[in-house]
């Protein structure tokens, strides 16, 4: 991270700014529970975890092995990279951003919480800024209050269906959100996050543009308008944006819109309502854009998820 310019003596120290940015990022997180199970293995057992959603694997008791095909960005407290097949012990947690399917191999007698979550579109940029896989060793010691919540989250597989009480949904989401935020904070606070995180780039003007796109994906964004927001010329902005984020500005806008569309469809909105919310002139135009990006029509995607 570049030092603060001498011409800006009133600017806050870099660590303070980073702390404020992390707080803003965490404050934006909103989750919905897709599946949350507390699983005890009577024999050695394998639990599949599909891709596409943020998943926390918290070991309540015993030992498990997570097979991911990826290496963990940080393996606390040693800081070394973890192998693609990673052993976890009681009190450890693994966070997957959902980019790849994985499986949890639980030894006989082990108990594990599998919390699979969907993030609202306003928090989609959180996933962009997390590694595909992160392991926090001794999470129970680092975040004892959150670990205590995790031990009581989810439904026991053996219990079957449990009658819902008024307010259960809100309380369960709040508990899951608290644990997720604590895992992200532990990952960041213990030296796992790259310098300058959670910024997507080292350029605060580009980050301002990215935040504006996420805040209002349905706006009629143009390269000229985005460049003006970033206080750059059109050509300089387009070049710097592509170099920092690996895609064109309008290509990024489409990605954010499609994530927003998926989030709205999950909530139960119809195709027409989503199309209007995201600023498309017609349902047909929205459906074509969705199919190009996702590989199927909005209605087919909703039926598959539903």
C-alpha atoms as a PDB file:
ATOM      1  CA  UNK A   1       0.000   0.000   0.000  1.00  0.00           C
ATOM      2  CA  UNK A   2       1.460   3.342  -0.977  1.00  0.00           C
ATOM      3  CA  UNK A   3       2.200   5.842   1.800  1.00  0.00           C
ATOM      4  CA  UNK A   4      -0.079   8.762   2.443  1.00  0.00           C
ATOM      5  CA  UNK A   5       0.883  11.742   0.323  1.00  0.00           C
ATOM      6  CA  UNK A   6       2.565  14.611   2.114  1.00  0.00           C
ATOM      7  CA  UNK A   7       0.033  17.012   0.624  1.00  0.00           C
ATOM      8  CA  UNK A   8      -2.752  15.410   2.674  1.00  0.00           C
ATOM      9  CA  UNK A   9      -1.657  15.873   6.300  1.00  0.00           C
ATOM     10  CA  UNK A  10      -5.244  15.661   7.585  1.00  0.00           C
ATOM     11  CA  UNK A  11      -5.803  12.184   6.158  1.00  0.00           C
ATOM     12  CA  UNK A  12      -6.297   9.373   8.651  1.00  0.00           C
ATOM     13  CA  UNK A  13      -3.467   6.841   9.041  1.00  0.00           C
ATOM     14  CA  UNK A  14      -3.611   3.913   6.623  1.00  0.00           C
ATOM     15  CA  UNK A  15      -4.408   1.383   9.372  1.00  0.00           C
ATOM     16  CA  UNK A  16      -7.294   3.538  10.593  1.00  0.00           C
ATOM     17  CA  UNK A  17      -8.675   3.895   7.055  1.00  0.00           C
ATOM     18  CA  UNK A  18      -8.382   0.145   6.514  1.00  0.00           C
ATOM     19  CA  UNK A  19     -10.238  -0.451   9.775  1.00  0.00           C
ATOM     20  CA  UNK A  20     -13.042   1.841   8.681  1.00  0.00           C
ATOM     21  CA  UNK A  21     -13.221   0.112   5.300  1.00  0.00           C
ATOM     22  CA  UNK A  22     -13.463  -3.300   6.972  1.00  0.00           C
ATOM     23  CA  UNK A  23     -16.256  -2.058   9.219  1.00  0.00           C
ATOM     24  CA  UNK A  24     -18.173  -0.734   6.189  1.00  0.00           C
ATOM     25  CA  UNK A  25     -17.704  -4.020   4.387  1.00  0.00           C
ATOM     26  CA  UNK A  26     -18.883  -6.114   7.323  1.00  0.00           C
ATOM     27  CA  UNK A  27     -21.817  -3.786   7.948  1.00  0.00           C
ATOM     28  CA  UNK A  28     -23.013  -4.425   4.388  1.00  0.00           C
ATOM     29  CA  UNK A  29     -23.272  -8.194   4.872  1.00  0.00           C
ATOM     30  CA  UNK A  30     -26.776  -9.624   4.813  1.00  0.00           C
ATOM     31  CA  UNK A  31     -27.337 -13.377   4.664  1.00  0.00           C
ATOM     32  CA  UNK A  32     -30.087 -15.854   4.032  1.00  0.00           C
ATOM     33  CA  UNK A  33     -29.716 -19.447   5.152  1.00  0.00           C
ATOM     34  CA  UNK A  34     -29.931 -22.006   2.386  1.00  0.00           C
ATOM     35  CA  UNK A  35     -29.059 -25.007   4.553  1.00  0.00           C
ATOM     36  CA  UNK A  36     -27.738 -25.240   8.075  1.00  0.00           C
ATOM     37  CA  UNK A  37     -27.182 -28.672   9.559  1.00  0.00           C
ATOM     38  CA  UNK A  38     -25.393 -29.974  12.630  1.00  0.00           C
ATOM     39  CA  UNK A  39     -24.119 -33.375  11.566  1.00  0.00           C
ATOM     40  CA  UNK A  40     -22.785 -36.177  13.756  1.00  0.00           C
ATOM     41  CA  UNK A  41     -21.162 -39.091  11.933  1.00  0.00           C
ATOM     42  CA  UNK A  42     -22.060 -42.485  13.482  1.00  0.00           C
ATOM     43  CA  UNK A  43     -19.471 -43.981  11.107  1.00  0.00           C
ATOM     44  CA  UNK A  44     -16.865 -42.449   8.833  1.00  0.00           C
ATOM     45  CA  UNK A  45     -18.994 -40.376   6.464  1.00  0.00           C
ATOM     46  CA  UNK A  46     -18.670 -37.947   3.561  1.00  0.00           C
ATOM     47  CA  UNK A  47     -20.882 -34.840   3.321  1.00  0.00           C
ATOM     48  CA  UNK A  48     -20.955 -33.133  -0.112  1.00  0.00           C
ATOM     49  CA  UNK A  49     -20.993 -29.314  -0.280  1.00  0.00           C
ATOM     50  CA  UNK A  50     -22.061 -27.830  -3.645  1.00  0.00           C
ATOM     51  CA  UNK A  51     -20.614 -24.668  -5.135  1.00  0.00           C
ATOM     52  CA  UNK A  52     -22.462 -21.383  -5.573  1.00  0.00           C
ATOM     53  CA  UNK A  53     -22.920 -20.291  -1.962  1.00  0.00           C
ATOM     54  CA  UNK A  54     -20.760 -19.187   0.942  1.00  0.00           C
ATOM     55  CA  UNK A  55     -20.232 -22.146   3.276  1.00  0.00           C
ATOM     56  CA  UNK A  56     -18.808 -22.336   6.781  1.00  0.00           C
ATOM     57  CA  UNK A  57     -17.540 -25.663   8.086  1.00  0.00           C
ATOM     58  CA  UNK A  58     -17.118 -25.486  11.872  1.00  0.00           C
ATOM     59  CA  UNK A  59     -15.848 -28.506  13.760  1.00  0.00           C
ATOM     60  CA  UNK A  60     -17.809 -28.853  16.997  1.00  0.00           C
ATOM     61  CA  UNK A  61     -16.171 -32.130  18.030  1.00  0.00           C
ATOM     62  CA  UNK A  62     -13.744 -34.653  16.597  1.00  0.00           C
ATOM     63  CA  UNK A  63     -11.770 -34.445  13.373  1.00  0.00           C
ATOM     64  CA  UNK A  64     -12.778 -33.899   9.758  1.00  0.00           C
ATOM     65  CA  UNK A  65     -10.981 -33.622   6.452  1.00  0.00           C
ATOM     66  CA  UNK A  66     -12.151 -31.152   3.809  1.00  0.00           C
ATOM     67  CA  UNK A  67     -11.394 -32.044   0.196  1.00  0.00           C
ATOM     68  CA  UNK A  68     -11.462 -28.955  -1.997  1.00  0.00           C
ATOM     69  CA  UNK A  69      -8.846 -29.201  -4.728  1.00  0.00           C
ATOM     70  CA  UNK A  70      -7.666 -25.775  -3.529  1.00  0.00           C
ATOM     71  CA  UNK A  71      -5.084 -24.477  -1.104  1.00  0.00           C
ATOM     72  CA  UNK A  72      -6.184 -22.348   1.825  1.00  0.00           C
ATOM     73  CA  UNK A  73      -4.956 -18.762   1.786  1.00  0.00           C
ATOM     74  CA  UNK A  74      -4.183 -18.776   5.477  1.00  0.00           C
ATOM     75  CA  UNK A  75      -3.820 -21.565   7.992  1.00  0.00           C
ATOM     76  CA  UNK A  76      -3.746 -19.930  11.433  1.00  0.00           C
ATOM     77  CA  UNK A  77      -1.787 -19.686  13.614  1.00  0.00           C
ATOM     78  CA  UNK A  78       1.206 -20.837  11.523  1.00  0.00           C
ATOM     79  CA  UNK A  79       0.279 -18.800   8.439  1.00  0.00           C
ATOM     80  CA  UNK A  80       1.299 -21.555   6.020  1.00  0.00           C
ATOM     81  CA  UNK A  81      -0.729 -22.660   3.019  1.00  0.00           C
ATOM     82  CA  UNK A  82      -2.925 -25.678   3.605  1.00  0.00           C
ATOM     83  CA  UNK A  83      -3.041 -28.689   1.257  1.00  0.00           C
ATOM     84  CA  UNK A  84      -5.982 -29.359  -1.048  1.00  0.00           C
ATOM     85  CA  UNK A  85      -7.140 -32.043   1.378  1.00  0.00           C
ATOM     86  CA  UNK A  86      -7.102 -30.377   4.767  1.00  0.00           C
ATOM     87  CA  UNK A  87      -7.536 -31.794   8.259  1.00  0.00           C
ATOM     88  CA  UNK A  88      -9.555 -29.737  10.747  1.00  0.00           C
ATOM     89  CA  UNK A  89      -9.805 -30.253  14.470  1.00  0.00           C
ATOM     90  CA  UNK A  90     -12.311 -29.226  17.112  1.00  0.00           C
ATOM     91  CA  UNK A  91     -12.651 -25.438  17.182  1.00  0.00           C
ATOM     92  CA  UNK A  92     -11.336 -24.896  13.628  1.00  0.00           C
ATOM     93  CA  UNK A  93     -13.429 -23.294  10.901  1.00  0.00           C
ATOM     94  CA  UNK A  94     -13.137 -23.309   7.136  1.00  0.00           C
ATOM     95  CA  UNK A  95     -14.796 -20.666   4.971  1.00  0.00           C
ATOM     96  CA  UNK A  96     -15.515 -21.298   1.292  1.00  0.00           C
ATOM     97  CA  UNK A  97     -16.685 -18.478  -0.956  1.00  0.00           C
ATOM     98  CA  UNK A  98     -18.508 -21.044  -3.101  1.00  0.00           C
ATOM     99  CA  UNK A  99     -16.357 -20.992  -6.204  1.00  0.00           C
ATOM    100  CA  UNK A 100     -15.866 -24.739  -6.158  1.00  0.00           C
ATOM    101  CA  UNK A 101     -17.702 -27.771  -4.772  1.00  0.00           C
ATOM    102  CA  UNK A 102     -16.050 -29.654  -1.910  1.00  0.00           C
ATOM    103  CA  UNK A 103     -16.673 -32.548   0.444  1.00  0.00           C
ATOM    104  CA  UNK A 104     -16.302 -32.986   4.200  1.00  0.00           C
ATOM    105  CA  UNK A 105     -14.969 -36.349   5.349  1.00  0.00           C
ATOM    106  CA  UNK A 106     -16.003 -36.762   8.986  1.00  0.00           C
ATOM    107  CA  UNK A 107     -14.411 -39.366  11.222  1.00  0.00           C
ATOM    108  CA  UNK A 108     -16.740 -41.535  13.288  1.00  0.00           C
ATOM    109  CA  UNK A 109     -18.147 -39.607  16.246  1.00  0.00           C
ATOM    110  CA  UNK A 110     -17.279 -36.174  14.819  1.00  0.00           C
ATOM    111  CA  UNK A 111     -19.815 -33.353  14.860  1.00  0.00           C
ATOM    112  CA  UNK A 112     -19.650 -30.549  12.318  1.00  0.00           C
ATOM    113  CA  UNK A 113     -21.777 -27.525  11.479  1.00  0.00           C
ATOM    114  CA  UNK A 114     -22.362 -27.011   7.762  1.00  0.00           C
ATOM    115  CA  UNK A 115     -23.781 -23.523   7.251  1.00  0.00           C
ATOM    116  CA  UNK A 116     -24.536 -22.692   3.612  1.00  0.00           C
ATOM    117  CA  UNK A 117     -25.504 -19.075   3.068  1.00  0.00           C
ATOM    118  CA  UNK A 118     -26.612 -16.780   0.262  1.00  0.00           C
ATOM    119  CA  UNK A 119     -25.456 -13.172   0.409  1.00  0.00           C
ATOM    120  CA  UNK A 120     -27.735 -10.354  -0.663  1.00  0.00           C
ATOM    121  CA  UNK A 121     -26.585  -8.365  -3.676  1.00  0.00           C
ATOM    122  CA  UNK A 122     -25.522  -5.460  -1.477  1.00  0.00           C
ATOM    123  CA  UNK A 123     -22.929  -7.807   0.005  1.00  0.00           C
ATOM    124  CA  UNK A 124     -21.854  -9.485  -3.246  1.00  0.00           C
ATOM    125  CA  UNK A 125     -18.612  -7.527  -3.255  1.00  0.00           C
ATOM    126  CA  UNK A 126     -17.663  -9.292  -0.015  1.00  0.00           C
ATOM    127  CA  UNK A 127     -17.374 -12.565  -1.948  1.00  0.00           C
ATOM    128  CA  UNK A 128     -15.256 -10.832  -4.601  1.00  0.00           C
ATOM    129  CA  UNK A 129     -12.809  -9.772  -1.920  1.00  0.00           C
ATOM    130  CA  UNK A 130     -12.513 -13.096  -0.096  1.00  0.00           C
ATOM    131  CA  UNK A 131     -10.256 -15.973  -1.105  1.00  0.00           C
ATOM    132  CA  UNK A 132     -11.848 -19.069  -2.590  1.00  0.00           C
ATOM    133  CA  UNK A 133     -10.934 -20.857   0.615  1.00  0.00           C
ATOM    134  CA  UNK A 134      -9.773 -19.693   4.053  1.00  0.00           C
ATOM    135  CA  UNK A 135      -9.055 -21.690   7.192  1.00  0.00           C
ATOM    136  CA  UNK A 136      -8.968 -20.228  10.683  1.00  0.00           C
ATOM    137  CA  UNK A 137      -7.317 -22.535  13.176  1.00  0.00           C
ATOM    138  CA  UNK A 138      -8.430 -22.345  16.794  1.00  0.00           C
ATOM    139  CA  UNK A 139     -11.360 -20.135  15.906  1.00  0.00           C
ATOM    140  CA  UNK A 140     -12.976 -21.090  19.216  1.00  0.00           C
ATOM    141  CA  UNK A 141     -10.068 -19.454  21.058  1.00  0.00           C
ATOM    142  CA  UNK A 142      -9.909 -16.411  18.793  1.00  0.00           C
ATOM    143  CA  UNK A 143     -13.672 -15.744  18.766  1.00  0.00           C
ATOM    144  CA  UNK A 144     -15.174 -17.617  21.751  1.00  0.00           C
ATOM    145  CA  UNK A 145     -18.574 -15.894  21.637  1.00  0.00           C
ATOM    146  CA  UNK A 146     -19.072 -16.619  17.933  1.00  0.00           C
ATOM    147  CA  UNK A 147     -17.851 -20.193  18.397  1.00  0.00           C
ATOM    148  CA  UNK A 148     -20.407 -20.691  21.173  1.00  0.00           C
ATOM    149  CA  UNK A 149     -23.128 -19.566  18.770  1.00  0.00           C
ATOM    150  CA  UNK A 150     -21.855 -21.928  16.071  1.00  0.00           C
ATOM    151  CA  UNK A 151     -22.123 -24.881  18.432  1.00  0.00           C
ATOM    152  CA  UNK A 152     -25.871 -24.262  18.760  1.00  0.00           C
ATOM    153  CA  UNK A 153     -26.668 -23.319  15.164  1.00  0.00           C
ATOM    154  CA  UNK A 154     -28.367 -25.575  12.677  1.00  0.00           C
ATOM    155  CA  UNK A 155     -30.736 -28.497  12.940  1.00  0.00           C
ATOM    156  CA  UNK A 156     -29.511 -31.936  13.966  1.00  0.00           C
ATOM    157  CA  UNK A 157     -29.887 -34.331  11.063  1.00  0.00           C
ATOM    158  CA  UNK A 158     -31.214 -36.986  13.421  1.00  0.00           C
ATOM    159  CA  UNK A 159     -33.910 -34.654  14.735  1.00  0.00           C
ATOM    160  CA  UNK A 160     -35.735 -34.460  11.417  1.00  0.00           C
ATOM    161  CA  UNK A 161     -38.154 -31.576  11.016  1.00  0.00           C
ATOM    162  CA  UNK A 162     -38.476 -29.270  14.002  1.00  0.00           C
ATOM    163  CA  UNK A 163     -41.613 -27.143  14.521  1.00  0.00           C
ATOM    164  CA  UNK A 164     -40.775 -23.513  13.818  1.00  0.00           C
ATOM    165  CA  UNK A 165     -41.451 -20.850  16.411  1.00  0.00           C
ATOM    166  CA  UNK A 166     -42.254 -17.240  15.646  1.00  0.00           C
ATOM    167  CA  UNK A 167     -39.017 -15.347  15.024  1.00  0.00           C
ATOM    168  CA  UNK A 168     -36.855 -18.427  14.430  1.00  0.00           C
ATOM    169  CA  UNK A 169     -35.882 -17.268  10.935  1.00  0.00           C
ATOM    170  CA  UNK A 170     -34.705 -13.862  12.092  1.00  0.00           C
ATOM    171  CA  UNK A 171     -32.749 -15.257  15.039  1.00  0.00           C
ATOM    172  CA  UNK A 172     -31.093 -17.986  12.968  1.00  0.00           C
ATOM    173  CA  UNK A 173     -30.039 -15.510  10.271  1.00  0.00           C
ATOM    174  CA  UNK A 174     -28.637 -13.166  12.912  1.00  0.00           C
ATOM    175  CA  UNK A 175     -26.622 -15.976  14.491  1.00  0.00           C
ATOM    176  CA  UNK A 176     -25.268 -17.125  11.126  1.00  0.00           C
ATOM    177  CA  UNK A 177     -24.363 -13.565  10.166  1.00  0.00           C
ATOM    178  CA  UNK A 178     -22.541 -13.016  13.465  1.00  0.00           C
ATOM    179  CA  UNK A 179     -20.444 -16.137  13.022  1.00  0.00           C
ATOM    180  CA  UNK A 180     -19.659 -15.304   9.391  1.00  0.00           C
ATOM    181  CA  UNK A 181     -18.549 -11.777  10.294  1.00  0.00           C
ATOM    182  CA  UNK A 182     -16.367 -13.168  13.070  1.00  0.00           C
ATOM    183  CA  UNK A 183     -14.713 -15.638  10.693  1.00  0.00           C
ATOM    184  CA  UNK A 184     -13.982 -12.875   8.174  1.00  0.00           C
ATOM    185  CA  UNK A 185     -12.624 -10.636  10.921  1.00  0.00           C
ATOM    186  CA  UNK A 186     -10.361 -13.399  12.216  1.00  0.00           C
ATOM    187  CA  UNK A 187      -9.094 -14.052   8.704  1.00  0.00           C
ATOM    188  CA  UNK A 188      -8.339 -10.370   8.262  1.00  0.00           C
ATOM    189  CA  UNK A 189      -7.011  -9.556  11.727  1.00  0.00           C
ATOM    190  CA  UNK A 190      -4.488 -12.377  11.916  1.00  0.00           C
ATOM    191  CA  UNK A 191      -2.404 -11.539   8.887  1.00  0.00           C
ATOM    192  CA  UNK A 192      -4.233 -13.510   6.197  1.00  0.00           C
ATOM    193  CA  UNK A 193      -5.698 -10.635   4.196  1.00  0.00           C
ATOM    194  CA  UNK A 194      -3.504  -8.916   1.594  1.00  0.00           C
ATOM    195  CA  UNK A 195      -2.233  -5.393   2.225  1.00  0.00           C
ATOM    196  CA  UNK A 196      -4.947  -2.823   1.723  1.00  0.00           C
ATOM    197  CA  UNK A 197      -7.818  -5.287   2.053  1.00  0.00           C
ATOM    198  CA  UNK A 198     -10.796  -4.912   1.627  1.00  0.00           C
ATOM    199  CA  UNK A 199     -10.107  -2.590  -1.295  1.00  0.00           C
ATOM    200  CA  UNK A 200     -10.370  -4.325  -4.667  1.00  0.00           C
ATOM    201  CA  UNK A 201      -7.467  -2.266  -5.953  1.00  0.00           C
ATOM    202  CA  UNK A 202      -4.830   0.123  -4.725  1.00  0.00           C
ATOM    203  CA  UNK A 203      -6.770   2.972  -6.315  1.00  0.00           C
ATOM    204  CA  UNK A 204      -9.386   4.602  -4.040  1.00  0.00           C
ATOM    205  CA  UNK A 205     -11.033   6.267  -7.048  1.00  0.00           C
ATOM    206  CA  UNK A 206     -11.652   2.903  -8.708  1.00  0.00           C
ATOM    207  CA  UNK A 207     -12.981   1.506  -5.450  1.00  0.00           C
ATOM    208  CA  UNK A 208     -15.397   4.447  -5.270  1.00  0.00           C
ATOM    209  CA  UNK A 209     -16.690   3.493  -8.709  1.00  0.00           C
ATOM    210  CA  UNK A 210     -17.061  -0.180  -7.777  1.00  0.00           C
ATOM    211  CA  UNK A 211     -18.980   0.673  -4.613  1.00  0.00           C
ATOM    212  CA  UNK A 212     -21.317   2.940  -6.603  1.00  0.00           C
ATOM    213  CA  UNK A 213     -22.063   0.144  -9.093  1.00  0.00           C
ATOM    214  CA  UNK A 214     -22.907  -2.278  -6.290  1.00  0.00           C
ATOM    215  CA  UNK A 215     -25.061   0.317  -4.563  1.00  0.00           C
ATOM    216  CA  UNK A 216     -27.187   0.947  -7.673  1.00  0.00           C
ATOM    217  CA  UNK A 217     -26.754  -1.827 -10.269  1.00  0.00           C
ATOM    218  CA  UNK A 218     -29.923  -0.840 -12.125  1.00  0.00           C
ATOM    219  CA  UNK A 219     -28.692   2.634 -12.972  1.00  0.00           C
ATOM    220  CA  UNK A 220     -28.015   3.416 -16.638  1.00  0.00           C
ATOM    221  CA  UNK A 221     -24.250   3.370 -16.226  1.00  0.00           C
ATOM    222  CA  UNK A 222     -22.009   4.544 -19.055  1.00  0.00           C
ATOM    223  CA  UNK A 223     -18.236   4.489 -19.300  1.00  0.00           C
ATOM    224  CA  UNK A 224     -18.280   8.285 -19.397  1.00  0.00           C
ATOM    225  CA  UNK A 225     -20.370   8.513 -16.244  1.00  0.00           C
ATOM    226  CA  UNK A 226     -18.228   5.991 -14.399  1.00  0.00           C
ATOM    227  CA  UNK A 227     -15.056   7.770 -15.495  1.00  0.00           C
ATOM    228  CA  UNK A 228     -16.426  11.068 -14.180  1.00  0.00           C
ATOM    229  CA  UNK A 229     -17.221   9.405 -10.855  1.00  0.00           C
ATOM    230  CA  UNK A 230     -13.628   8.206 -10.717  1.00  0.00           C
ATOM    231  CA  UNK A 231     -12.296  11.668 -11.653  1.00  0.00           C
ATOM    232  CA  UNK A 232     -10.552  10.351 -14.782  1.00  0.00           C
ATOM    233  CA  UNK A 233     -10.758  10.694 -18.512  1.00  0.00           C
ATOM    234  CA  UNK A 234     -12.685   7.973 -20.328  1.00  0.00           C
ATOM    235  CA  UNK A 235      -9.606   6.342 -21.847  1.00  0.00           C
ATOM    236  CA  UNK A 236      -7.521   6.423 -18.670  1.00  0.00           C
ATOM    237  CA  UNK A 237     -10.414   5.090 -16.601  1.00  0.00           C
ATOM    238  CA  UNK A 238     -11.149   2.202 -18.966  1.00  0.00           C
ATOM    239  CA  UNK A 239      -7.499   1.172 -19.044  1.00  0.00           C
ATOM    240  CA  UNK A 240      -7.005   1.370 -15.282  1.00  0.00           C
ATOM    241  CA  UNK A 241     -10.289  -0.402 -14.549  1.00  0.00           C
ATOM    242  CA  UNK A 242      -9.425  -3.340 -16.812  1.00  0.00           C
ATOM    243  CA  UNK A 243      -5.892  -3.565 -15.404  1.00  0.00           C
ATOM    244  CA  UNK A 244      -7.192  -3.611 -11.802  1.00  0.00           C
ATOM    245  CA  UNK A 245     -10.295  -5.806 -12.166  1.00  0.00           C
ATOM    246  CA  UNK A 246      -9.551  -7.864 -15.248  1.00  0.00           C
ATOM    247  CA  UNK A 247     -12.641  -6.837 -17.210  1.00  0.00           C
ATOM    248  CA  UNK A 248     -14.201  -3.808 -18.838  1.00  0.00           C
ATOM    249  CA  UNK A 249     -16.266  -1.340 -16.772  1.00  0.00           C
ATOM    250  CA  UNK A 250     -19.525  -2.233 -18.520  1.00  0.00           C
ATOM    251  CA  UNK A 251     -18.700  -5.928 -18.336  1.00  0.00           C
ATOM    252  CA  UNK A 252     -18.375  -5.533 -14.580  1.00  0.00           C
ATOM    253  CA  UNK A 253     -21.708  -3.681 -14.447  1.00  0.00           C
ATOM    254  CA  UNK A 254     -23.396  -6.624 -16.193  1.00  0.00           C
ATOM    255  CA  UNK A 255     -21.855  -9.082 -13.720  1.00  0.00           C
ATOM    256  CA  UNK A 256     -23.163  -7.080 -10.772  1.00  0.00           C
ATOM    257  CA  UNK A 257     -26.610  -6.810 -12.368  1.00  0.00           C
ATOM    258  CA  UNK A 258     -26.787 -10.564 -12.901  1.00  0.00           C
ATOM    259  CA  UNK A 259     -25.879 -11.194  -9.275  1.00  0.00           C
ATOM    260  CA  UNK A 260     -28.561  -8.734  -8.264  1.00  0.00           C
ATOM    261  CA  UNK A 261     -31.002 -10.520 -10.555  1.00  0.00           C
ATOM    262  CA  UNK A 262     -30.223 -13.867  -8.954  1.00  0.00           C
ATOM    263  CA  UNK A 263     -30.670 -12.374  -5.506  1.00  0.00           C
ATOM    264  CA  UNK A 264     -34.047 -10.866  -6.414  1.00  0.00           C
ATOM    265  CA  UNK A 265     -35.217 -14.089  -8.044  1.00  0.00           C
ATOM    266  CA  UNK A 266     -34.278 -16.007  -4.885  1.00  0.00           C
ATOM    267  CA  UNK A 267     -36.472 -13.614  -2.921  1.00  0.00           C
ATOM    268  CA  UNK A 268     -39.450 -14.588  -5.053  1.00  0.00           C
ATOM    269  CA  UNK A 269     -39.720 -11.611  -7.431  1.00  0.00           C
ATOM    270  CA  UNK A 270     -41.056 -12.322 -10.909  1.00  0.00           C
ATOM    271  CA  UNK A 271     -39.013 -11.898 -14.061  1.00  0.00           C
ATOM    272  CA  UNK A 272     -40.796  -8.672 -15.023  1.00  0.00           C
ATOM    273  CA  UNK A 273     -40.270  -7.139 -11.590  1.00  0.00           C
ATOM    274  CA  UNK A 274     -36.568  -8.009 -11.650  1.00  0.00           C
ATOM    275  CA  UNK A 275     -36.234  -6.620 -15.162  1.00  0.00           C
ATOM    276  CA  UNK A 276     -37.729  -3.289 -14.089  1.00  0.00           C
ATOM    277  CA  UNK A 277     -35.680  -3.170 -10.885  1.00  0.00           C
ATOM    278  CA  UNK A 278     -32.469  -3.513 -12.867  1.00  0.00           C
ATOM    279  CA  UNK A 279     -33.343  -0.934 -15.489  1.00  0.00           C
ATOM    280  CA  UNK A 280     -33.938  -3.143 -18.519  1.00  0.00           C
ATOM    281  CA  UNK A 281     -36.227  -1.755 -21.205  1.00  0.00           C
ATOM    282  CA  UNK A 282     -37.962  -5.102 -21.732  1.00  0.00           C
ATOM    283  CA  UNK A 283     -38.277  -8.535 -20.183  1.00  0.00           C
ATOM    284  CA  UNK A 284     -36.851 -10.013 -23.380  1.00  0.00           C
ATOM    285  CA  UNK A 285     -33.703  -7.908 -23.137  1.00  0.00           C
ATOM    286  CA  UNK A 286     -33.219  -8.881 -19.522  1.00  0.00           C
ATOM    287  CA  UNK A 287     -33.792 -12.577 -20.255  1.00  0.00           C
ATOM    288  CA  UNK A 288     -31.250 -12.506 -23.109  1.00  0.00           C
ATOM    289  CA  UNK A 289     -28.641 -10.849 -20.879  1.00  0.00           C
ATOM    290  CA  UNK A 290     -29.330 -13.308 -18.049  1.00  0.00           C
ATOM    291  CA  UNK A 291     -29.052 -16.314 -20.344  1.00  0.00           C
ATOM    292  CA  UNK A 292     -25.764 -15.081 -21.841  1.00  0.00           C
ATOM    293  CA  UNK A 293     -24.288 -14.650 -18.374  1.00  0.00           C
ATOM    294  CA  UNK A 294     -25.820 -17.560 -16.430  1.00  0.00           C
ATOM    295  CA  UNK A 295     -26.481 -20.091 -19.184  1.00  0.00           C
ATOM    296  CA  UNK A 296     -30.249 -20.387 -18.733  1.00  0.00           C
ATOM    297  CA  UNK A 297     -33.334 -18.190 -18.643  1.00  0.00           C
ATOM    298  CA  UNK A 298     -34.328 -16.404 -15.404  1.00  0.00           C
ATOM    299  CA  UNK A 299     -37.433 -18.553 -15.004  1.00  0.00           C
ATOM    300  CA  UNK A 300     -35.467 -21.788 -15.501  1.00  0.00           C
ATOM    301  CA  UNK A 301     -32.806 -20.629 -13.035  1.00  0.00           C
ATOM    302  CA  UNK A 302     -35.427 -19.773 -10.419  1.00  0.00           C
ATOM    303  CA  UNK A 303     -37.163 -23.121 -10.858  1.00  0.00           C
ATOM    304  CA  UNK A 304     -33.852 -24.957 -10.445  1.00  0.00           C
ATOM    305  CA  UNK A 305     -33.009 -23.067  -7.261  1.00  0.00           C
ATOM    306  CA  UNK A 306     -36.450 -23.236  -5.834  1.00  0.00           C
END
